[in-house]
Amino acid sequence: MLKNSIVWCHGQTIVELCQSALEVDCETGYQEQGNETLCASDGRTYRNQCYFVKQKCVVADLTISYLGPCETTSNLTTAAPVTTTMDPLDEWQILKRVFCTSNSTISCGTQPNPICGSNRQIYFNDCMFAKAKCQDDLLSVLPVNQCSGIIGRRRKRSTLMELVLGNK
């Protein structure tokens, strides 16, 4: 797994995003944006960024060598030198994009951890907050007492105690 040190949003670490990304069906739950074929440092060609992210979450030192399929010579597949004209879109940004593109297929679990968003809504847990942050990258965390008690898009009024105890 990847290092747990980079936090995209409140409490949502690379490891947690990887766990969510591993749930994504890259065939039906992910929408490619144009040709995403890429060659990685393991010499394998990945059809899209979703497949790359899944492997990156397992092999932390995997990197993108270049866009396009890996070059093949006879029966060997090799990664070309790392000379790329692609934007410096790092693997972390790709993980975030795969999560956000596929978030409707990701289950956020039932473990409550109320998060107050800067939009004054309470999100049930870090995963739900991360999904909202996909829609509004400027969304940030406020102290819980500054929220109105409205949960995400469901607009259901709940007290913080109900959220924690699961009595919605």
Protein backbone atom coordinates (compact mmCIF):
# COMPACT_ATOMS: atom_id res chain seq x y z
CA MET A 1 0.00 0.00 0.00
CA LEU A 2 1.01 3.61 -0.44
CA LYS A 3 2.33 5.83 2.29
CA ASN A 4 -0.36 7.14 4.59
CA SER A 5 1.17 10.61 4.78
CA ILE A 6 -0.65 12.63 2.13
CA VAL A 7 -4.12 13.79 3.06
CA TRP A 8 -6.40 15.03 0.29
CA CYS A 9 -9.14 16.13 2.60
CA HIS A 10 -10.01 15.79 6.26
CA GLY A 11 -8.89 12.34 7.32
CA GLN A 12 -9.03 10.89 3.80
CA THR A 13 -5.53 9.52 3.23
CA ILE A 14 -4.00 7.86 0.21
CA VAL A 15 -4.47 4.46 1.85
CA GLU A 16 -8.19 5.10 2.39
CA LEU A 17 -8.65 6.39 -1.14
CA CYS A 18 -6.81 3.31 -2.40
CA GLN A 19 -9.16 1.06 -0.46
CA SER A 20 -12.07 2.82 -2.14
CA ALA A 21 -10.42 2.78 -5.57
CA LEU A 22 -9.81 -0.96 -5.31
CA GLU A 23 -13.61 -1.40 -5.19
CA VAL A 24 -14.09 0.30 -8.57
CA ASP A 25 -14.91 -1.89 -11.56
CA CYS A 26 -12.64 -0.35 -14.20
CA GLU A 27 -14.87 -1.70 -16.97
CA THR A 28 -18.25 -0.37 -15.82
CA GLY A 29 -17.64 1.96 -12.85
CA TYR A 30 -15.03 4.23 -14.40
CA GLN A 31 -15.35 6.61 -17.33
CA GLU A 32 -12.21 7.18 -19.36
CA GLN A 33 -11.40 10.69 -20.53
CA GLY A 34 -10.03 10.09 -23.99
CA ASN A 35 -7.16 7.70 -24.60
CA GLU A 36 -5.65 6.94 -21.19
CA THR A 37 -3.35 4.11 -22.26
CA LEU A 38 -0.06 4.40 -20.41
CA CYS A 39 3.16 2.50 -19.87
CA ALA A 40 4.27 2.06 -16.27
CA SER A 41 7.64 1.41 -14.68
CA ASP A 42 6.80 -2.31 -14.39
CA GLY A 43 6.87 -2.54 -18.20
CA ARG A 44 3.14 -3.17 -18.40
CA THR A 45 0.64 -1.28 -20.52
CA TYR A 46 -2.42 -0.11 -18.60
CA ARG A 47 -5.55 0.47 -20.67
CA ASN A 48 -6.69 3.34 -18.48
CA GLN A 49 -5.83 5.24 -15.32
CA CYS A 50 -8.22 3.14 -13.23
CA TYR A 51 -6.24 -0.06 -13.86
CA PHE A 52 -3.00 1.83 -13.19
CA VAL A 53 -4.32 3.21 -9.89
CA LYS A 54 -5.39 -0.25 -8.72
CA GLN A 55 -1.86 -1.56 -9.30
CA LYS A 56 -0.29 1.60 -7.81
CA CYS A 57 -2.27 1.00 -4.63
CA VAL A 58 -0.65 -2.44 -4.36
CA VAL A 59 2.85 -1.53 -5.62
CA ALA A 60 3.73 1.82 -4.07
CA ASP A 61 6.81 2.53 -6.19
CA LEU A 62 4.99 2.04 -9.50
CA THR A 63 5.27 5.14 -11.69
CA ILE A 64 4.10 6.27 -15.11
CA SER A 65 6.88 5.95 -17.66
CA TYR A 66 5.03 7.59 -20.53
CA LEU A 67 1.65 7.88 -22.24
CA GLY A 68 0.78 5.18 -24.74
CA PRO A 69 1.46 1.45 -24.80
CA CYS A 70 4.81 0.04 -23.70
CA GLU A 71 7.21 -0.67 -26.54
CA THR A 72 7.68 -4.33 -27.36
CA THR A 73 10.73 -5.99 -28.81
CA SER A 74 10.29 -9.66 -29.70
CA ASN A 75 8.51 -11.26 -26.76
CA LEU A 76 9.68 -8.72 -24.19
CA THR A 77 7.73 -5.69 -23.08
CA THR A 78 9.86 -2.85 -21.82
CA ALA A 79 9.25 0.59 -20.49
CA ALA A 80 10.85 3.31 -22.56
CA PRO A 81 13.01 5.88 -20.81
CA VAL A 82 11.09 8.34 -18.68
CA THR A 83 10.90 11.10 -21.27
CA THR A 84 7.35 12.27 -21.24
CA THR A 85 5.52 15.31 -22.49
CA MET A 86 2.55 14.61 -20.26
CA ASP A 87 1.54 17.19 -17.71
CA PRO A 88 3.09 16.60 -14.32
CA LEU A 89 -0.08 14.77 -13.33
CA ASP A 90 1.32 12.64 -10.57
CA GLU A 91 -0.01 9.32 -9.43
CA TRP A 92 -1.70 11.00 -6.45
CA GLN A 93 -3.71 13.26 -8.75
CA ILE A 94 -4.68 10.25 -10.84
CA LEU A 95 -5.86 8.41 -7.71
CA LYS A 96 -7.97 11.41 -6.73
CA ARG A 97 -9.44 11.62 -10.25
CA VAL A 98 -10.28 7.91 -10.35
CA PHE A 99 -11.95 8.23 -6.92
CA CYS A 100 -13.97 11.27 -7.98
CA THR A 101 -14.91 9.88 -11.39
CA SER A 102 -16.09 6.61 -9.83
CA ASN A 103 -17.47 7.84 -6.51
CA SER A 104 -21.04 6.80 -7.30
CA THR A 105 -19.88 3.17 -7.27
CA ILE A 106 -17.88 3.48 -4.03
CA SER A 107 -19.46 2.45 -0.73
CA CYS A 108 -18.55 4.68 2.19
CA GLY A 109 -19.31 2.19 4.91
CA THR A 110 -21.37 2.58 8.04
CA GLN A 111 -18.73 3.82 10.48
CA PRO A 112 -19.87 7.30 11.61
CA ASN A 113 -17.31 10.08 11.93
CA PRO A 114 -19.26 13.36 11.50
CA ILE A 115 -17.47 16.00 9.45
CA CYS A 116 -18.72 19.58 9.21
CA GLY A 117 -18.11 21.05 5.76
CA SER A 118 -17.54 24.72 5.01
CA ASN A 119 -20.93 24.58 3.25
CA ARG A 120 -22.37 24.03 6.76
CA GLN A 121 -23.45 20.47 6.03
CA ILE A 122 -22.56 17.49 8.17
CA TYR A 123 -21.12 14.50 6.33
CA PHE A 124 -21.55 11.07 7.86
CA ASN A 125 -17.85 10.16 7.56
CA ASP A 126 -14.59 11.03 5.81
CA CYS A 127 -15.56 9.11 2.68
CA MET A 128 -18.82 11.04 2.28
CA PHE A 129 -16.90 14.28 2.80
CA ALA A 130 -14.34 13.19 0.15
CA LYS A 131 -17.18 12.54 -2.31
CA ALA A 132 -18.53 16.05 -1.66
CA LYS A 133 -15.04 17.48 -2.11
CA CYS A 134 -15.01 15.93 -5.58
CA GLN A 135 -17.83 18.34 -6.45
CA ASP A 136 -16.32 21.32 -4.64
CA ASP A 137 -12.52 21.29 -4.33
CA LEU A 138 -12.69 24.37 -2.09
CA LEU A 139 -14.76 22.50 0.49
CA SER A 140 -12.97 22.48 3.83
CA VAL A 141 -13.61 21.33 7.36
CA LEU A 142 -15.16 23.48 10.08
CA PRO A 143 -15.59 22.71 13.76
CA VAL A 144 -18.61 20.41 14.07
CA ASN A 145 -20.54 22.91 16.21
CA GLN A 146 -20.69 25.30 13.23
CA CYS A 147 -22.91 23.00 11.17
CA SER A 148 -26.68 23.09 10.96
CA GLY A 149 -27.18 19.34 11.23
CA ILE A 150 -28.07 18.82 7.58
CA ILE A 151 -26.50 15.60 6.29
CA GLY A 152 -25.00 15.83 2.81
CA ARG A 153 -27.50 15.97 -0.04
CA ARG A 154 -30.16 14.03 1.81
CA ARG A 155 -31.20 17.17 3.69
CA LYS A 156 -32.24 15.03 6.64
CA ARG A 157 -32.05 16.81 9.97
CA SER A 158 -30.10 14.90 12.58
CA THR A 159 -28.31 15.72 15.77
CA LEU A 160 -24.66 14.85 16.12
CA MET A 161 -25.60 12.28 18.76
CA GLU A 162 -27.95 10.57 16.28
CA LEU A 163 -25.14 10.48 13.73
CA VAL A 164 -22.69 8.93 16.16
CA LEU A 165 -25.20 6.44 17.53
CA GLY A 166 -26.55 5.60 14.09
CA ASN A 167 -30.16 6.65 14.89
CA LYS A 168 -30.85 8.58 11.72
